[in-house]
Amino acid sequence: MPTRRPYRSPRREQDAATTRGDILRAARELFTSEGYARVTVTDIARRAGVATKTVYASAGSKAAIFQELLMTAVADSGADQTLAAVRECDDPREAVRILAYGTRVGNETHQDATEMLYAAMSVQDDAEALWRQGTTLYREALRQAAVHLGKIGGLAEGLDADRAGDILWFCLGIGAWRTLVKDCGWTWDEAQRWLALQAFTLLHTGPTSAEPPQ
C-alpha cells in the first residue's frame, strides 16, 4: 500500500509566515518603545492582533523572540558586503571611509535592536551572551578590515591587525555611534565624517600611541 504524503497548504504556510512576521514586528516595536522588562507576551499578542497562545506557537517565548530579533539584526548588518568593498580598495583613506559608511548603515538601520539590547542588559539573563555573540562578529569584521589596511599601507609601522582592530572598534563600534548620535545629538552624517577621520588618524599615529599606559 503506497505511503500517503502529508498535505502541505501553500496558503496556510504563507498565512503562518505572515503571522510570525507580524508578531516579530510587534515585539520589536514594543521592546524598543517600552523596554524589554516591561513587555509581556500578552502585550505582543495584542499589538500583533493575535491570541497569546499563537505567539508561543509561532515565535516562542519572549526571550526567544528577543534573541531572534537581535540575531536577525546581526545577520542583516551588511558586514560581509562592507568588508568585501574594503578589500577591493587599495587606498587606505578611502578604505576607512568605506568602513565608516558601512558601519554607519548597519548601526543606523538597526538602532532599534541596539536600544533593545542596552535596555535588556540588566534584566535579561542571556543579554550579555547575546551582546558578546553580536559584537564578536562585528569586531572580527573590523579586524579583517585592519588586516587589509595593513597590506595596503594603512597602518603605522609596528601596529598589528589585532591592535588596529581594537582602534577601529573604539572609533566605529556600536558605542561610538550610539554616543555621538543618541547621547550627543549628532546627525549620522556628522558622526560618519568625524569617526572616519579619527579612525584614519589613530591608525597612523604609530604603535606608541596605540599602546596602553604602563
C-alpha atoms as a PDB file:
ATOM      1  CA  MET A   1       0.000   0.000   0.000  1.00  0.00           C
ATOM      2  CA  PRO A   2       1.548   3.347  -1.017  1.00  0.00           C
ATOM      3  CA  THR A   3       2.524   5.730   1.756  1.00  0.00           C
ATOM      4  CA  ARG A   4       0.397   8.849   1.828  1.00  0.00           C
ATOM      5  CA  ARG A   5       2.361  12.069   1.788  1.00  0.00           C
ATOM      6  CA  PRO A   6       1.275  14.729   4.264  1.00  0.00           C
ATOM      7  CA  TYR A   7      -0.665  17.522   2.626  1.00  0.00           C
ATOM      8  CA  ARG A   8       1.031  20.909   2.584  1.00  0.00           C
ATOM      9  CA  SER A   9      -1.028  24.003   2.003  1.00  0.00           C
ATOM     10  CA  PRO A  10       0.973  26.876   0.480  1.00  0.00           C
ATOM     11  CA  ARG A  11      -1.758  29.291   1.572  1.00  0.00           C
ATOM     12  CA  ARG A  12      -1.587  28.073   5.166  1.00  0.00           C
ATOM     13  CA  GLU A  13       2.216  28.317   5.195  1.00  0.00           C
ATOM     14  CA  GLN A  14       2.023  31.844   3.799  1.00  0.00           C
ATOM     15  CA  ASP A  15      -0.507  32.843   6.439  1.00  0.00           C
ATOM     16  CA  ALA A  16       1.707  31.354   9.164  1.00  0.00           C
ATOM     17  CA  ALA A  17       4.735  33.283   7.874  1.00  0.00           C
ATOM     18  CA  THR A  18       2.710  36.496   7.791  1.00  0.00           C
ATOM     19  CA  THR A  19       1.500  35.935  11.349  1.00  0.00           C
ATOM     20  CA  ARG A  20       5.036  35.257  12.537  1.00  0.00           C
ATOM     21  CA  GLY A  21       6.268  38.414  10.812  1.00  0.00           C
ATOM     22  CA  ASP A  22       3.514  40.449  12.485  1.00  0.00           C
ATOM     23  CA  ILE A  23       4.480  39.044  15.877  1.00  0.00           C
ATOM     24  CA  LEU A  24       8.178  39.806  15.442  1.00  0.00           C
ATOM     25  CA  ARG A  25       7.393  43.309  14.185  1.00  0.00           C
ATOM     26  CA  ALA A  26       5.095  43.966  17.140  1.00  0.00           C
ATOM     27  CA  ALA A  27       7.700  42.680  19.592  1.00  0.00           C
ATOM     28  CA  ARG A  28      10.431  44.852  18.081  1.00  0.00           C
ATOM     29  CA  GLU A  29       8.241  47.950  18.326  1.00  0.00           C
ATOM     30  CA  LEU A  30       7.307  47.231  21.936  1.00  0.00           C
ATOM     31  CA  PHE A  31      10.812  46.274  23.075  1.00  0.00           C
ATOM     32  CA  THR A  32      12.125  49.488  21.548  1.00  0.00           C
ATOM     33  CA  SER A  33       9.454  51.831  22.917  1.00  0.00           C
ATOM     34  CA  GLU A  34       8.726  50.217  26.295  1.00  0.00           C
ATOM     35  CA  GLY A  35      11.880  48.289  27.148  1.00  0.00           C
ATOM     36  CA  TYR A  36      12.263  44.523  27.314  1.00  0.00           C
ATOM     37  CA  ALA A  37      11.374  44.186  31.009  1.00  0.00           C
ATOM     38  CA  ARG A  38       8.018  45.947  30.748  1.00  0.00           C
ATOM     39  CA  VAL A  39       6.714  43.993  27.757  1.00  0.00           C
ATOM     40  CA  THR A  40       4.743  40.766  28.172  1.00  0.00           C
ATOM     41  CA  VAL A  41       3.785  38.119  25.653  1.00  0.00           C
ATOM     42  CA  THR A  42       0.209  39.311  26.061  1.00  0.00           C
ATOM     43  CA  ASP A  43       1.308  42.804  25.045  1.00  0.00           C
ATOM     44  CA  ILE A  44       2.976  41.393  21.952  1.00  0.00           C
ATOM     45  CA  ALA A  45      -0.125  39.393  21.083  1.00  0.00           C
ATOM     46  CA  ARG A  46      -2.353  42.433  21.494  1.00  0.00           C
ATOM     47  CA  ARG A  47      -0.115  44.584  19.293  1.00  0.00           C
ATOM     48  CA  ALA A  48       0.084  41.855  16.623  1.00  0.00           C
ATOM     49  CA  GLY A  49      -3.656  41.204  16.741  1.00  0.00           C
ATOM     50  CA  VAL A  50      -3.377  37.529  17.623  1.00  0.00           C
ATOM     51  CA  ALA A  51      -4.044  35.287  20.617  1.00  0.00           C
ATOM     52  CA  THR A  52      -1.334  34.871  23.240  1.00  0.00           C
ATOM     53  CA  LYS A  53      -1.102  31.144  22.516  1.00  0.00           C
ATOM     54  CA  THR A  54      -0.450  31.997  18.854  1.00  0.00           C
ATOM     55  CA  VAL A  55       2.630  33.982  19.867  1.00  0.00           C
ATOM     56  CA  TYR A  56       4.065  30.983  21.691  1.00  0.00           C
ATOM     57  CA  ALA A  57       3.177  28.599  18.876  1.00  0.00           C
ATOM     58  CA  SER A  58       4.527  30.822  16.104  1.00  0.00           C
ATOM     59  CA  ALA A  59       7.530  32.603  17.621  1.00  0.00           C
ATOM     60  CA  GLY A  60       8.176  31.131  21.064  1.00  0.00           C
ATOM     61  CA  SER A  61       8.717  32.801  24.413  1.00  0.00           C
ATOM     62  CA  LYS A  62       9.553  36.450  24.956  1.00  0.00           C
ATOM     63  CA  ALA A  63      13.226  35.565  25.404  1.00  0.00           C
ATOM     64  CA  ALA A  64      13.231  33.505  22.192  1.00  0.00           C
ATOM     65  CA  ILE A  65      11.640  36.370  20.259  1.00  0.00           C
ATOM     66  CA  PHE A  66      14.173  38.808  21.695  1.00  0.00           C
ATOM     67  CA  GLN A  67      17.078  36.570  20.691  1.00  0.00           C
ATOM     68  CA  GLU A  68      15.730  36.102  17.162  1.00  0.00           C
ATOM     69  CA  LEU A  69      15.323  39.842  16.655  1.00  0.00           C
ATOM     70  CA  LEU A  70      18.885  40.515  17.744  1.00  0.00           C
ATOM     71  CA  MET A  71      20.413  37.717  15.696  1.00  0.00           C
ATOM     72  CA  THR A  72      18.453  38.830  12.646  1.00  0.00           C
ATOM     73  CA  ALA A  73      19.874  42.328  13.073  1.00  0.00           C
ATOM     74  CA  VAL A  74      23.414  40.932  13.317  1.00  0.00           C
ATOM     75  CA  ALA A  75      22.942  38.793  10.202  1.00  0.00           C
ATOM     76  CA  ASP A  76      21.430  41.725   8.314  1.00  0.00           C
ATOM     77  CA  SER A  77      24.098  44.250   9.302  1.00  0.00           C
ATOM     78  CA  GLY A  78      25.796  44.208   5.906  1.00  0.00           C
ATOM     79  CA  ALA A  79      29.197  43.430   7.428  1.00  0.00           C
ATOM     80  CA  ASP A  80      30.147  40.959   4.702  1.00  0.00           C
ATOM     81  CA  GLN A  81      29.367  43.421   1.930  1.00  0.00           C
ATOM     82  CA  THR A  82      31.242  46.216   3.669  1.00  0.00           C
ATOM     83  CA  LEU A  83      34.292  44.016   4.230  1.00  0.00           C
ATOM     84  CA  ALA A  84      34.248  42.922   0.590  1.00  0.00           C
ATOM     85  CA  ALA A  85      34.183  46.558  -0.528  1.00  0.00           C
ATOM     86  CA  VAL A  86      37.078  47.420   1.783  1.00  0.00           C
ATOM     87  CA  ARG A  87      39.135  44.545   0.389  1.00  0.00           C
ATOM     88  CA  GLU A  88      38.635  45.833  -3.151  1.00  0.00           C
ATOM     89  CA  CYS A  89      40.097  49.219  -2.216  1.00  0.00           C
ATOM     90  CA  ASP A  90      43.833  49.946  -2.388  1.00  0.00           C
ATOM     91  CA  ASP A  91      43.692  53.461  -0.919  1.00  0.00           C
ATOM     92  CA  PRO A  92      43.814  53.483   2.920  1.00  0.00           C
ATOM     93  CA  ARG A  93      41.833  56.696   3.384  1.00  0.00           C
ATOM     94  CA  GLU A  94      39.090  55.503   1.035  1.00  0.00           C
ATOM     95  CA  ALA A  95      39.054  52.084   2.685  1.00  0.00           C
ATOM     96  CA  VAL A  96      38.454  53.683   6.094  1.00  0.00           C
ATOM     97  CA  ARG A  97      35.745  55.876   4.570  1.00  0.00           C
ATOM     98  CA  ILE A  98      34.024  52.781   3.144  1.00  0.00           C
ATOM     99  CA  LEU A  99      34.304  51.057   6.514  1.00  0.00           C
ATOM    100  CA  ALA A 100      32.854  54.082   8.308  1.00  0.00           C
ATOM    101  CA  TYR A 101      29.951  54.249   5.884  1.00  0.00           C
ATOM    102  CA  GLY A 102      29.234  50.525   6.154  1.00  0.00           C
ATOM    103  CA  THR A 103      29.231  50.500   9.953  1.00  0.00           C
ATOM    104  CA  ARG A 104      27.118  53.656   9.936  1.00  0.00           C
ATOM    105  CA  VAL A 105      24.480  51.990   7.752  1.00  0.00           C
ATOM    106  CA  GLY A 106      24.417  48.903   9.957  1.00  0.00           C
ATOM    107  CA  ASN A 107      24.061  50.909  13.154  1.00  0.00           C
ATOM    108  CA  GLU A 108      21.542  53.340  11.700  1.00  0.00           C
ATOM    109  CA  THR A 109      19.381  50.609  10.185  1.00  0.00           C
ATOM    110  CA  HIS A 110      19.346  48.509  13.343  1.00  0.00           C
ATOM    111  CA  GLN A 111      19.451  51.180  16.036  1.00  0.00           C
ATOM    112  CA  ASP A 112      16.219  49.763  17.472  1.00  0.00           C
ATOM    113  CA  ALA A 113      17.998  46.431  18.058  1.00  0.00           C
ATOM    114  CA  THR A 114      20.848  48.259  19.791  1.00  0.00           C
ATOM    115  CA  GLU A 115      18.434  50.056  22.090  1.00  0.00           C
ATOM    116  CA  MET A 116      16.606  46.806  22.833  1.00  0.00           C
ATOM    117  CA  LEU A 117      19.866  45.198  23.860  1.00  0.00           C
ATOM    118  CA  TYR A 118      21.020  48.090  26.027  1.00  0.00           C
ATOM    119  CA  ALA A 119      17.637  48.176  27.768  1.00  0.00           C
ATOM    120  CA  ALA A 120      17.664  44.417  28.368  1.00  0.00           C
ATOM    121  CA  MET A 121      21.206  44.118  29.716  1.00  0.00           C
ATOM    122  CA  SER A 122      20.179  44.462  33.355  1.00  0.00           C
ATOM    123  CA  VAL A 123      17.140  42.173  33.234  1.00  0.00           C
ATOM    124  CA  GLN A 124      17.680  39.551  30.535  1.00  0.00           C
ATOM    125  CA  ASP A 125      19.895  36.662  31.615  1.00  0.00           C
ATOM    126  CA  ASP A 126      21.027  35.950  28.060  1.00  0.00           C
ATOM    127  CA  ALA A 127      21.564  39.587  27.053  1.00  0.00           C
ATOM    128  CA  GLU A 128      25.267  39.630  27.917  1.00  0.00           C
ATOM    129  CA  ALA A 129      25.858  36.425  25.964  1.00  0.00           C
ATOM    130  CA  LEU A 130      23.909  37.845  23.042  1.00  0.00           C
ATOM    131  CA  TRP A 131      25.940  41.038  23.239  1.00  0.00           C
ATOM    132  CA  ARG A 132      29.172  39.049  23.083  1.00  0.00           C
ATOM    133  CA  GLN A 133      27.876  36.985  20.182  1.00  0.00           C
ATOM    134  CA  GLY A 134      26.857  40.027  18.176  1.00  0.00           C
ATOM    135  CA  THR A 135      29.885  42.149  18.935  1.00  0.00           C
ATOM    136  CA  THR A 136      32.304  39.271  18.318  1.00  0.00           C
ATOM    137  CA  LEU A 137      31.152  39.113  14.695  1.00  0.00           C
ATOM    138  CA  TYR A 138      31.319  42.893  14.409  1.00  0.00           C
ATOM    139  CA  ARG A 139      34.786  43.108  15.903  1.00  0.00           C
ATOM    140  CA  GLU A 140      36.121  40.275  13.765  1.00  0.00           C
ATOM    141  CA  ALA A 141      34.918  42.105  10.645  1.00  0.00           C
ATOM    142  CA  LEU A 142      36.813  45.204  11.817  1.00  0.00           C
ATOM    143  CA  ARG A 143      39.916  43.111  12.486  1.00  0.00           C
ATOM    144  CA  GLN A 144      39.732  41.670   8.989  1.00  0.00           C
ATOM    145  CA  ALA A 145      39.455  45.209   7.637  1.00  0.00           C
ATOM    146  CA  ALA A 146      42.571  46.080   9.654  1.00  0.00           C
ATOM    147  CA  VAL A 147      44.402  43.132   8.081  1.00  0.00           C
ATOM    148  CA  HIS A 148      43.671  44.563   4.649  1.00  0.00           C
ATOM    149  CA  LEU A 149      44.659  48.068   5.736  1.00  0.00           C
ATOM    150  CA  GLY A 150      47.996  46.643   6.813  1.00  0.00           C
ATOM    151  CA  LYS A 151      48.503  45.160   3.356  1.00  0.00           C
ATOM    152  CA  ILE A 152      47.875  48.471   1.580  1.00  0.00           C
ATOM    153  CA  GLY A 153      49.965  50.649   3.890  1.00  0.00           C
ATOM    154  CA  GLY A 154      47.092  51.870   6.018  1.00  0.00           C
ATOM    155  CA  LEU A 155      48.658  51.135   9.409  1.00  0.00           C
ATOM    156  CA  ALA A 156      51.525  52.845  11.167  1.00  0.00           C
ATOM    157  CA  GLU A 157      54.734  50.858  11.389  1.00  0.00           C
ATOM    158  CA  GLY A 158      54.605  48.399  14.265  1.00  0.00           C
ATOM    159  CA  LEU A 159      50.803  48.476  14.571  1.00  0.00           C
ATOM    160  CA  ASP A 160      49.443  44.960  14.140  1.00  0.00           C
ATOM    161  CA  ALA A 161      45.971  43.974  12.944  1.00  0.00           C
ATOM    162  CA  ASP A 162      44.702  42.989  16.387  1.00  0.00           C
ATOM    163  CA  ARG A 163      45.532  46.357  17.948  1.00  0.00           C
ATOM    164  CA  ALA A 164      44.317  48.157  14.827  1.00  0.00           C
ATOM    165  CA  GLY A 165      41.048  46.214  15.101  1.00  0.00           C
ATOM    166  CA  ASP A 166      40.704  47.471  18.671  1.00  0.00           C
ATOM    167  CA  ILE A 167      41.200  51.034  17.442  1.00  0.00           C
ATOM    168  CA  LEU A 168      38.539  50.530  14.776  1.00  0.00           C
ATOM    169  CA  TRP A 169      36.158  49.147  17.410  1.00  0.00           C
ATOM    170  CA  PHE A 170      36.792  52.221  19.552  1.00  0.00           C
ATOM    171  CA  CYS A 171      36.087  54.545  16.603  1.00  0.00           C
ATOM    172  CA  LEU A 172      33.453  52.635  14.640  1.00  0.00           C
ATOM    173  CA  GLY A 173      31.914  50.229  17.140  1.00  0.00           C
ATOM    174  CA  ILE A 174      28.372  50.336  18.483  1.00  0.00           C
ATOM    175  CA  GLY A 175      29.302  52.539  21.428  1.00  0.00           C
ATOM    176  CA  ALA A 176      30.907  55.218  19.279  1.00  0.00           C
ATOM    177  CA  TRP A 177      27.890  55.633  17.010  1.00  0.00           C
ATOM    178  CA  ARG A 178      25.427  55.499  19.904  1.00  0.00           C
ATOM    179  CA  THR A 179      27.353  58.054  21.949  1.00  0.00           C
ATOM    180  CA  LEU A 180      27.523  60.652  19.195  1.00  0.00           C
ATOM    181  CA  VAL A 181      24.081  60.160  17.663  1.00  0.00           C
ATOM    182  CA  LYS A 182      21.871  59.249  20.627  1.00  0.00           C
ATOM    183  CA  ASP A 183      23.662  60.836  23.569  1.00  0.00           C
ATOM    184  CA  CYS A 184      25.151  63.915  21.875  1.00  0.00           C
ATOM    185  CA  GLY A 185      22.564  64.539  19.181  1.00  0.00           C
ATOM    186  CA  TRP A 186      24.904  64.475  16.175  1.00  0.00           C
ATOM    187  CA  THR A 187      23.489  63.606  12.776  1.00  0.00           C
ATOM    188  CA  TRP A 188      24.578  60.332  11.233  1.00  0.00           C
ATOM    189  CA  ASP A 189      26.421  62.259   8.517  1.00  0.00           C
ATOM    190  CA  GLU A 190      28.332  64.317  11.087  1.00  0.00           C
ATOM    191  CA  ALA A 191      29.204  61.224  13.087  1.00  0.00           C
ATOM    192  CA  GLN A 192      30.333  59.354   9.988  1.00  0.00           C
ATOM    193  CA  ARG A 193      32.692  62.089   8.836  1.00  0.00           C
ATOM    194  CA  TRP A 194      34.216  62.652  12.261  1.00  0.00           C
ATOM    195  CA  LEU A 195      34.595  58.973  13.202  1.00  0.00           C
ATOM    196  CA  ALA A 196      36.182  58.147   9.842  1.00  0.00           C
ATOM    197  CA  LEU A 197      38.712  60.940  10.393  1.00  0.00           C
ATOM    198  CA  GLN A 198      39.510  59.761  13.921  1.00  0.00           C
ATOM    199  CA  ALA A 199      39.920  56.162  12.792  1.00  0.00           C
ATOM    200  CA  PHE A 200      42.231  57.090   9.924  1.00  0.00           C
ATOM    201  CA  THR A 201      44.282  59.392  12.170  1.00  0.00           C
ATOM    202  CA  LEU A 202      44.656  56.910  15.024  1.00  0.00           C
ATOM    203  CA  LEU A 203      45.714  54.141  12.662  1.00  0.00           C
ATOM    204  CA  HIS A 204      48.575  56.386  11.518  1.00  0.00           C
ATOM    205  CA  THR A 205      49.820  57.653  14.878  1.00  0.00           C
ATOM    206  CA  GLY A 206      52.165  54.744  15.467  1.00  0.00           C
ATOM    207  CA  PRO A 207      52.378  51.922  17.993  1.00  0.00           C
ATOM    208  CA  THR A 208      53.438  54.141  20.910  1.00  0.00           C
ATOM    209  CA  SER A 209      50.130  55.977  20.918  1.00  0.00           C
ATOM    210  CA  ALA A 210      48.262  52.721  20.472  1.00  0.00           C
ATOM    211  CA  GLU A 211      49.904  51.036  23.466  1.00  0.00           C
ATOM    212  CA  PRO A 212      48.037  51.131  26.800  1.00  0.00           C
ATOM    213  CA  PRO A 213      49.775  53.075  29.609  1.00  0.00           C
ATOM    214  CA  GLN A 214      52.201  51.126  31.743  1.00  0.00           C
END
